[in-house]
């Protein structure tokens, strides 16, 4: 068991996987978001679930910067929202949609079609009134995807 778990940890430690980007909007804002058109964002915290098949650290660093070409839906929101946290889930597995589904289950709302144009999910952007980092449900979700799912395999 320990040997198999060690192999899993090494396999999962590569710089690829999924991530949760947490942004904060101090007030309601309406913005044009690429092909989505006009989107109204409520005041609160936004959790975006993304992935990077390589250079996960670089992708997260890009999301922290304000100065960049607007390419993904999240770039448009990041231009108007405060960076709060970025949480990587290093893995070989494609967990982005599974994580998005789990976040949807604890979120206060979702932004339809946001960040999910390449999958069948309704959204990859979710909102919460309160800081998700202070939410037991959110921390449990992070713990599961970060390590607990490996133990259960």
Protein backbone atom coordinates (compact mmCIF):
# COMPACT_ATOMS: atom_id res chain seq x y z
CA UNK A 1 0.00 0.00 0.00
CA UNK A 2 2.72 2.51 0.99
CA UNK A 3 4.76 1.79 -2.16
CA UNK A 4 1.71 2.28 -4.42
CA UNK A 5 0.85 5.50 -2.61
CA UNK A 6 4.43 6.77 -3.05
CA UNK A 7 4.22 6.10 -6.82
CA UNK A 8 0.91 7.99 -6.92
CA UNK A 9 2.37 10.98 -5.08
CA UNK A 10 5.37 11.15 -7.45
CA UNK A 11 3.06 10.85 -10.48
CA UNK A 12 0.79 13.59 -9.14
CA UNK A 13 3.65 16.01 -8.32
CA UNK A 14 4.29 17.10 -11.92
CA UNK A 15 3.56 20.73 -12.83
CA UNK A 16 0.20 20.04 -14.45
CA UNK A 17 -3.36 19.62 -13.35
CA UNK A 18 -6.26 21.79 -12.30
CA UNK A 19 -6.54 24.91 -10.20
CA UNK A 20 -9.04 27.04 -8.37
CA UNK A 21 -8.61 30.77 -8.80
CA UNK A 22 -10.40 32.89 -6.21
CA UNK A 23 -11.17 36.51 -7.04
CA UNK A 24 -13.13 39.13 -5.13
CA UNK A 25 -15.43 41.82 -6.46
CA UNK A 26 -16.17 44.52 -3.86
CA UNK A 27 -19.25 45.71 -5.79
CA UNK A 28 -21.62 44.62 -8.56
CA UNK A 29 -20.15 45.11 -12.05
CA UNK A 30 -21.37 44.55 -15.59
CA UNK A 31 -18.78 43.71 -18.28
CA UNK A 32 -18.51 42.51 -21.84
CA UNK A 33 -16.87 39.07 -21.73
CA UNK A 34 -15.62 37.94 -25.14
CA UNK A 35 -18.24 35.95 -27.05
CA UNK A 36 -20.40 35.60 -23.92
CA UNK A 37 -21.49 39.20 -24.27
CA UNK A 38 -22.60 41.37 -21.35
CA UNK A 39 -22.31 39.60 -17.98
CA UNK A 40 -23.46 41.01 -14.65
CA UNK A 41 -21.22 40.00 -11.75
CA UNK A 42 -22.63 40.24 -8.23
CA UNK A 43 -20.54 41.50 -5.36
CA UNK A 44 -18.69 38.63 -3.71
CA UNK A 45 -16.06 35.97 -4.19
CA UNK A 46 -15.62 34.11 -7.46
CA UNK A 47 -14.11 30.65 -7.80
CA UNK A 48 -12.89 29.77 -11.26
CA UNK A 49 -11.91 26.17 -12.01
CA UNK A 50 -9.30 25.79 -14.73
CA UNK A 51 -6.64 23.38 -15.90
CA UNK A 52 -3.18 23.32 -17.44
CA UNK A 53 -1.83 20.14 -19.04
CA UNK A 54 1.65 21.64 -18.67
CA UNK A 55 3.21 24.51 -16.72
CA UNK A 56 0.48 24.79 -14.09
CA UNK A 57 2.63 27.21 -12.08
CA UNK A 58 3.00 29.48 -15.10
CA UNK A 59 -0.74 29.49 -15.72
CA UNK A 60 -1.40 30.51 -12.12
CA UNK A 61 1.23 33.27 -12.32
CA UNK A 62 -0.45 34.56 -15.49
CA UNK A 63 -3.78 34.81 -13.67
CA UNK A 64 -2.16 36.86 -10.91
CA UNK A 65 -0.97 39.51 -13.39
CA UNK A 66 -3.22 42.32 -14.53
CA UNK A 67 -1.16 43.25 -17.60
CA UNK A 68 -1.81 40.61 -20.27
CA UNK A 69 -3.70 40.00 -23.47
CA UNK A 70 -7.33 39.13 -22.74
CA UNK A 71 -7.70 35.60 -24.06
CA UNK A 72 -9.81 33.40 -21.76
CA UNK A 73 -13.13 34.39 -20.15
CA UNK A 74 -11.38 34.56 -16.78
CA UNK A 75 -8.93 37.19 -18.09
CA UNK A 76 -11.83 39.63 -18.49
CA UNK A 77 -13.03 39.07 -14.93
CA UNK A 78 -9.49 39.21 -13.53
CA UNK A 79 -9.09 42.67 -15.12
CA UNK A 80 -11.80 44.03 -12.78
CA UNK A 81 -11.55 41.74 -9.74
CA UNK A 82 -9.05 41.52 -6.89
CA UNK A 83 -6.80 38.47 -6.73
CA UNK A 84 -7.54 36.52 -3.53
CA UNK A 85 -5.90 33.09 -3.93
CA UNK A 86 -4.82 30.44 -6.42
CA UNK A 87 -4.92 26.81 -5.36
CA UNK A 88 -3.27 24.19 -7.59
CA UNK A 89 -4.32 20.56 -7.72
CA UNK A 90 -1.31 18.86 -9.29
CA UNK A 91 -2.42 15.71 -11.07
CA UNK A 92 -2.13 13.68 -14.24
CA UNK A 93 -5.90 13.16 -14.11
CA UNK A 94 -8.28 15.52 -15.88
CA UNK A 95 -10.26 16.75 -12.88
CA UNK A 96 -11.35 20.20 -14.03
CA UNK A 97 -14.99 19.27 -14.68
CA UNK A 98 -15.24 17.07 -11.59
CA UNK A 99 -13.90 19.91 -9.43
CA UNK A 100 -16.29 22.39 -11.10
CA UNK A 101 -19.21 20.08 -10.32
CA UNK A 102 -18.11 19.85 -6.68
CA UNK A 103 -17.71 23.64 -6.36
CA UNK A 104 -21.16 24.13 -7.90
CA UNK A 105 -22.57 22.06 -5.04
CA UNK A 106 -21.33 24.50 -2.39
CA UNK A 107 -21.52 27.79 -4.31
CA UNK A 108 -24.19 30.45 -3.86
CA UNK A 109 -24.48 30.98 -7.65
CA UNK A 110 -22.83 30.21 -10.98
CA UNK A 111 -22.16 32.29 -14.08
CA UNK A 112 -23.64 30.31 -17.00
CA UNK A 113 -21.34 29.28 -19.89
CA UNK A 114 -18.33 30.97 -18.27
CA UNK A 115 -15.06 29.13 -18.89
CA UNK A 116 -16.76 25.96 -20.12
CA UNK A 117 -16.81 26.38 -23.89
CA UNK A 118 -14.63 23.28 -24.40
CA UNK A 119 -16.68 20.87 -22.25
CA UNK A 120 -20.29 19.98 -21.44
CA UNK A 121 -20.35 21.75 -18.06
CA UNK A 122 -22.76 24.65 -17.61
CA UNK A 123 -20.04 26.75 -15.98
CA UNK A 124 -16.57 26.81 -14.48
CA UNK A 125 -17.18 30.06 -12.55
CA UNK A 126 -19.03 30.10 -9.26
CA UNK A 127 -19.81 32.77 -6.72
CA UNK A 128 -19.97 32.89 -2.95
CA UNK A 129 -21.09 35.70 -0.70
CA UNK A 130 -18.41 34.90 1.90
CA UNK A 131 -14.73 34.05 1.60
CA UNK A 132 -14.52 30.40 0.48
CA UNK A 133 -11.24 30.02 2.36
CA UNK A 134 -13.31 30.41 5.55
CA UNK A 135 -15.80 27.73 4.46
CA UNK A 136 -15.50 24.24 5.94
CA UNK A 137 -17.22 22.79 2.84
CA UNK A 138 -14.70 24.47 0.52
CA UNK A 139 -11.70 23.35 2.60
CA UNK A 140 -13.07 19.79 2.59
CA UNK A 141 -13.38 19.95 -1.19
CA UNK A 142 -9.74 21.09 -1.48
CA UNK A 143 -8.59 18.34 0.86
CA UNK A 144 -10.41 15.70 -1.16
CA UNK A 145 -9.04 16.78 -4.55
CA UNK A 146 -5.59 17.56 -3.17
CA UNK A 147 -4.90 14.25 -1.43
CA UNK A 148 -7.85 12.25 -0.12
CA UNK A 149 -8.93 11.01 -3.57
CA UNK A 150 -5.52 9.30 -3.91
CA UNK A 151 -5.98 7.34 -0.70
CA UNK A 152 -9.38 6.02 -1.77
CA UNK A 153 -8.15 4.58 -5.11
